[in-house]
Structure formats: structure tokens, C-alpha cells
């Protein structure tokens, strides 16, 4: 599975959960308590888990996610989606050694569509 973040493609994705959320963006009430405006948007919430990554792959991921808002491209039921997403946390890996080579695991990103 793959995901593209700010133009950099990552093929080491082991799980991609793309949930559609309903978010209310503007709710107003008059003095009687009647709802006047209720703008509702459906937006994606992504939970991405990566497999073992080399130091170079992790460096590329951190470089691609150093900004708060990033452009993400992924496959969804309606086809390929390319939208702006917010990433609140930096990818934080766990260091492990495989046959003497340093690899990084447990890398996970949670993103919300802008």
C-alpha cells in the first residue's frame, strides 16, 4: 500500500484507515434558540501505520511532515484523493535492529483533512 505526502511517495504503509467524519463548522442560534445556520462537511480522518523503515525513509517522512499542513494523496473508494491534511504529531519511531541494521518501527501518523 502507498501514500504520497507533499510529493514524496511512501510504499511501506502497512495499514491505512480512511474514515469519513461529519464535522459541523458553523452553528448559530437566534435569541429564541432556533438554529439558523448549520454547515456540515464530510472530511477524511486518516490513521496511517508504516512498516519497518530505514533511516533514509524515516528522514524522508519527517521532511515531508515537518509542516503542519501537508498535501496527501491516497486511494479511496471514490478513486484517488488528493487533499490538504493537518498533522499534529511528529512521527515517533521505535529503534530496532534487524540483522545488525538499524530499522525504525511503530511509526504512525494521524491526520485530519483541512
Protein backbone atom coordinates (compact mmCIF):
# COMPACT_ATOMS: atom_id res chain seq x y z
CA UNK A 1 0.00 0.00 0.00
CA UNK A 2 1.24 3.52 -0.66
CA UNK A 3 0.60 7.11 0.36
CA UNK A 4 2.08 10.32 -1.03
CA UNK A 5 2.82 13.19 1.36
CA UNK A 6 3.95 16.53 -0.08
CA UNK A 7 5.04 14.81 -3.29
CA UNK A 8 7.07 12.05 -1.59
CA UNK A 9 5.70 8.53 -2.10
CA UNK A 10 5.91 6.01 0.74
CA UNK A 11 5.40 2.33 -0.15
CA UNK A 12 5.93 0.92 3.34
CA UNK A 13 2.37 1.56 4.56
CA UNK A 14 1.01 -1.50 6.38
CA UNK A 15 -2.37 -0.02 7.36
CA UNK A 16 -4.37 2.94 6.13
CA UNK A 17 -7.67 3.71 7.85
CA UNK A 18 -9.54 6.44 5.97
CA UNK A 19 -12.70 7.30 7.88
CA UNK A 20 -15.22 9.91 6.73
CA UNK A 21 -16.29 12.23 9.53
CA UNK A 22 -19.14 14.68 9.67
CA UNK A 23 -18.00 17.99 11.12
CA UNK A 24 -20.12 20.96 11.94
CA UNK A 25 -18.32 24.12 11.01
CA UNK A 26 -20.85 26.84 11.77
CA UNK A 27 -23.85 26.59 14.05
CA UNK A 28 -25.72 29.73 15.07
CA UNK A 29 -28.87 30.24 17.08
CA UNK A 30 -31.23 33.17 17.33
CA UNK A 31 -32.39 34.59 20.65
CA UNK A 32 -35.27 32.06 20.75
CA UNK A 33 -32.81 29.17 20.48
CA UNK A 34 -33.74 28.28 16.88
CA UNK A 35 -30.90 27.03 14.71
CA UNK A 36 -30.25 29.45 11.87
CA UNK A 37 -27.23 28.03 10.05
CA UNK A 38 -25.66 24.60 10.26
CA UNK A 39 -22.92 23.97 7.73
CA UNK A 40 -21.92 20.33 7.76
CA UNK A 41 -18.86 18.95 5.97
CA UNK A 42 -17.71 15.41 5.42
CA UNK A 43 -13.96 15.15 5.74
CA UNK A 44 -11.38 12.41 5.99
CA UNK A 45 -9.55 11.33 9.11
CA UNK A 46 -6.52 9.18 8.26
CA UNK A 47 -4.68 6.79 10.54
CA UNK A 48 -1.55 5.53 8.77
CA UNK A 49 0.80 2.83 10.10
CA UNK A 50 4.14 2.23 8.45
CA UNK A 51 6.17 -0.98 8.41
CA UNK A 52 9.83 -1.12 9.30
CA UNK A 53 11.63 1.88 7.85
CA UNK A 54 15.27 2.57 7.13
CA UNK A 55 16.90 5.72 8.46
CA UNK A 56 16.63 7.27 4.98
CA UNK A 57 12.89 6.50 4.73
CA UNK A 58 12.26 7.93 8.20
CA UNK A 59 14.25 11.05 7.34
CA UNK A 60 12.16 11.49 4.16
CA UNK A 61 8.93 11.05 6.17
CA UNK A 62 9.99 13.62 8.75
CA UNK A 63 10.98 16.03 6.00
CA UNK A 64 7.62 15.56 4.26
CA UNK A 65 5.67 16.09 7.51
CA UNK A 66 7.64 18.96 9.02
CA UNK A 67 4.88 21.42 8.10
CA UNK A 68 1.58 21.47 9.98
CA UNK A 69 -0.49 21.22 6.78
CA UNK A 70 0.56 18.79 4.05
CA UNK A 71 -0.83 17.58 0.74
CA UNK A 72 -1.75 13.89 0.94
CA UNK A 73 -2.66 11.56 -1.92
CA UNK A 74 -4.21 8.15 -1.25
CA UNK A 75 -6.62 5.64 -2.77
CA UNK A 76 -10.22 5.72 -1.57
CA UNK A 77 -13.46 4.05 -2.77
CA UNK A 78 -14.23 7.10 -4.92
CA UNK A 79 -10.78 6.94 -6.52
CA UNK A 80 -7.54 8.72 -5.80
CA UNK A 81 -7.97 11.54 -3.27
CA UNK A 82 -5.57 14.48 -3.01
CA UNK A 83 -6.35 16.93 -0.21
CA UNK A 84 -4.73 19.10 2.44
CA UNK A 85 -4.37 17.46 5.87
CA UNK A 86 -3.31 18.58 9.33
CA UNK A 87 -0.69 16.54 11.17
CA UNK A 88 -0.44 17.33 14.86
CA UNK A 89 2.32 14.92 15.93
CA UNK A 90 5.75 14.21 14.51
CA UNK A 91 6.32 10.57 13.53
CA UNK A 92 7.93 8.93 16.55
CA UNK A 93 9.58 5.58 15.84
CA UNK A 94 10.95 2.77 17.95
CA UNK A 95 14.50 1.76 17.10
CA UNK A 96 15.13 -1.92 16.49
CA UNK A 97 17.93 -3.90 14.86
CA UNK A 98 17.33 -6.44 12.10
CA UNK A 99 20.41 -8.49 11.16
CA UNK A 100 22.61 -5.72 12.56
CA UNK A 101 20.86 -2.97 10.61
CA UNK A 102 19.06 -0.17 12.45
CA UNK A 103 15.38 -0.10 11.46
CA UNK A 104 12.54 2.02 12.76
CA UNK A 105 9.14 0.58 13.61
CA UNK A 106 5.90 1.70 15.18
CA UNK A 107 5.73 4.80 13.01
CA UNK A 108 2.18 6.06 12.86
CA UNK A 109 0.53 9.28 11.66
CA UNK A 110 -2.91 10.63 12.45
CA UNK A 111 -4.18 13.25 10.02
CA UNK A 112 -7.35 15.29 9.69
CA UNK A 113 -8.48 16.87 6.43
CA UNK A 114 -8.26 20.67 6.43
